[in-house]
C-alpha atoms as a PDB file:
ATOM      1  CA  MET A   1     -97.245  24.283  47.265  1.00  0.00           C
ATOM      2  CA  GLN A   2     -99.401  22.302  44.879  1.00  0.00           C
ATOM      3  CA  SER A   3    -100.854  18.841  45.168  1.00  0.00           C
ATOM      4  CA  ARG A   4    -102.677  16.512  42.843  1.00  0.00           C
ATOM      5  CA  GLN A   5    -104.159  13.042  42.814  1.00  0.00           C
ATOM      6  CA  LEU A   6    -102.127  10.410  40.977  1.00  0.00           C
ATOM      7  CA  SER A   7    -103.965   8.582  38.234  1.00  0.00           C
ATOM      8  CA  ALA A   8    -104.617   4.862  38.639  1.00  0.00           C
ATOM      9  CA  SER A   9    -101.868   4.009  36.153  1.00  0.00           C
ATOM     10  CA  GLU A  10     -99.386   6.344  37.917  1.00  0.00           C
ATOM     11  CA  GLN A  11    -100.217   4.715  41.235  1.00  0.00           C
ATOM     12  CA  THR A  12     -99.761   1.248  39.741  1.00  0.00           C
ATOM     13  CA  ASP A  13     -96.420   2.211  38.168  1.00  0.00           C
ATOM     14  CA  LEU A  14     -95.148   3.656  41.446  1.00  0.00           C
ATOM     15  CA  ILE A  15     -96.329   0.660  43.484  1.00  0.00           C
ATOM     16  CA  ASP A  16     -94.711  -1.720  40.981  1.00  0.00           C
ATOM     17  CA  LEU A  17     -91.427   0.197  41.241  1.00  0.00           C
ATOM     18  CA  LEU A  18     -91.517   0.139  45.049  1.00  0.00           C
ATOM     19  CA  ASN A  19     -92.394  -3.557  45.162  1.00  0.00           C
ATOM     20  CA  SER A  20     -89.648  -4.491  42.713  1.00  0.00           C
ATOM     21  CA  GLN A  21     -86.974  -2.598  44.629  1.00  0.00           C
ATOM     22  CA  GLN A  22     -87.560  -3.909  48.171  1.00  0.00           C
ATOM     23  CA  LEU A  23     -85.911  -0.747  49.515  1.00  0.00           C
ATOM     24  CA  LEU A  24     -86.443  -1.404  53.212  1.00  0.00           C
ATOM     25  CA  ALA A  25     -84.800  -4.828  53.034  1.00  0.00           C
ATOM     26  CA  ALA A  26     -81.899  -3.475  50.957  1.00  0.00           C
ATOM     27  CA  ALA A  27     -81.361  -0.522  53.307  1.00  0.00           C
ATOM     28  CA  ALA A  28     -81.537  -2.750  56.386  1.00  0.00           C
ATOM     29  CA  ALA A  29     -78.847  -4.989  54.837  1.00  0.00           C
ATOM     30  CA  SER A  30     -76.360  -2.117  54.530  1.00  0.00           C
ATOM     31  CA  GLU A  31     -73.034  -2.651  56.270  1.00  0.00           C
ATOM     32  CA  PRO A  32     -72.462  -0.483  59.380  1.00  0.00           C
ATOM     33  CA  VAL A  33     -69.506   1.917  59.195  1.00  0.00           C
ATOM     34  CA  PRO A  34     -66.990   1.331  62.029  1.00  0.00           C
ATOM     35  CA  GLU A  35     -66.845   4.051  64.693  1.00  0.00           C
ATOM     36  CA  ASP A  36     -63.194   4.831  63.924  1.00  0.00           C
ATOM     37  CA  ALA A  37     -63.673   5.236  60.150  1.00  0.00           C
ATOM     38  CA  PRO A  38     -62.295   8.548  58.847  1.00  0.00           C
ATOM     39  CA  GLN A  39     -64.769  11.087  57.530  1.00  0.00           C
ATOM     40  CA  THR A  40     -64.575  11.622  53.792  1.00  0.00           C
ATOM     41  CA  LYS A  41     -65.617  14.583  51.681  1.00  0.00           C
ATOM     42  CA  GLU A  42     -68.653  12.598  50.474  1.00  0.00           C
ATOM     43  CA  CYS A  43     -69.892  12.316  54.082  1.00  0.00           C
ATOM     44  CA  ARG A  44     -70.414  16.045  54.476  1.00  0.00           C
ATOM     45  CA  THR A  45     -73.779  16.028  52.695  1.00  0.00           C
ATOM     46  CA  VAL A  46     -76.215  13.268  53.574  1.00  0.00           C
ATOM     47  CA  THR A  47     -79.329  12.383  51.593  1.00  0.00           C
ATOM     48  CA  VAL A  48     -82.168  11.271  53.871  1.00  0.00           C
ATOM     49  CA  TYR A  49     -85.103   9.122  52.741  1.00  0.00           C
ATOM     50  CA  GLU A  50     -88.298   8.564  54.683  1.00  0.00           C
ATOM     51  CA  LEU A  51     -90.092   5.391  53.603  1.00  0.00           C
ATOM     52  CA  GLN A  52     -93.552   4.414  54.785  1.00  0.00           C
ATOM     53  CA  THR A  53     -94.886   0.876  54.767  1.00  0.00           C
ATOM     54  CA  ASN A  54     -98.019  -0.367  56.458  1.00  0.00           C
ATOM     55  CA  ASP A  55     -98.567   3.000  58.168  1.00  0.00           C
ATOM     56  CA  ARG A  56     -95.075   2.831  59.669  1.00  0.00           C
ATOM     57  CA  SER A  57     -92.409   5.380  58.794  1.00  0.00           C
ATOM     58  CA  GLN A  58     -88.691   4.601  58.696  1.00  0.00           C
ATOM     59  CA  THR A  59     -85.915   7.050  57.936  1.00  0.00           C
ATOM     60  CA  PHE A  60     -82.715   5.954  56.204  1.00  0.00           C
ATOM     61  CA  GLU A  61     -79.648   7.915  55.316  1.00  0.00           C
ATOM     62  CA  GLY A  62     -78.713   7.475  51.685  1.00  0.00           C
ATOM     63  CA  GLU A  63     -75.638   8.775  49.922  1.00  0.00           C
ATOM     64  CA  GLY A  64     -73.076  10.374  52.227  1.00  0.00           C
ATOM     65  CA  THR A  65     -74.159   8.579  55.384  1.00  0.00           C
ATOM     66  CA  ARG A  66     -71.617   8.104  58.159  1.00  0.00           C
ATOM     67  CA  LYS A  67     -73.644   5.233  59.615  1.00  0.00           C
ATOM     68  CA  PHE A  68     -73.810   2.674  56.798  1.00  0.00           C
ATOM     69  CA  ARG A  69     -72.061   1.558  53.633  1.00  0.00           C
ATOM     70  CA  HIS A  70     -74.884   1.206  51.135  1.00  0.00           C
ATOM     71  CA  SER A  71     -74.499  -0.964  48.092  1.00  0.00           C
ATOM     72  CA  GLU A  72     -74.278   0.748  44.729  1.00  0.00           C
ATOM     73  CA  ALA A  73     -77.445  -1.127  43.761  1.00  0.00           C
ATOM     74  CA  LEU A  74     -79.389   0.435  46.665  1.00  0.00           C
ATOM     75  CA  LEU A  75     -78.149   3.932  45.817  1.00  0.00           C
ATOM     76  CA  GLN A  76     -79.221   3.408  42.195  1.00  0.00           C
ATOM     77  CA  GLN A  77     -82.646   2.176  43.334  1.00  0.00           C
ATOM     78  CA  LEU A  78     -83.112   5.244  45.523  1.00  0.00           C
ATOM     79  CA  GLU A  79     -82.101   7.479  42.622  1.00  0.00           C
ATOM     80  CA  ALA A  80     -84.605   5.703  40.351  1.00  0.00           C
ATOM     81  CA  LEU A  81     -87.353   6.260  42.920  1.00  0.00           C
ATOM     82  CA  GLN A  82     -86.390   9.902  43.312  1.00  0.00           C
ATOM     83  CA  SER A  83     -86.451  10.346  39.516  1.00  0.00           C
ATOM     84  CA  GLN A  84     -89.872   8.714  39.284  1.00  0.00           C
ATOM     85  CA  LEU A  85     -91.242  11.004  41.999  1.00  0.00           C
ATOM     86  CA  ARG A  86     -89.736  14.079  40.330  1.00  0.00           C
ATOM     87  CA  ALA A  87     -91.342  13.074  37.022  1.00  0.00           C
ATOM     88  CA  LEU A  88     -94.713  12.634  38.740  1.00  0.00           C
ATOM     89  CA  SER A  89     -94.401  16.034  40.412  1.00  0.00           C
ATOM     90  CA  ASN A  90     -93.797  17.673  37.020  1.00  0.00           C
ATOM     91  CA  THR A  91     -96.789  16.013  35.344  1.00  0.00           C
ATOM     92  CA  PRO A  92     -99.827  18.325  35.182  1.00  0.00           C
END
């Protein structure tokens, strides 16, 4: 495993992305799935996100969750964040 310090501009870009997305509010606004809802093929694999704010960690299920119906906008925001983090991890 490797680690590196993000540059000031990388940190600013990531913070700007996080602030613009308001992920915690969007995830908290997701509609609960009723208990009697049938399981679909998409629910067999669940993407889990752990988000930290103010030294507090919260875990949300993303795509494939059986607990919530997330908006398409939230799923796209999570994908954008994941892409940004992947790009940062590939930068020397």
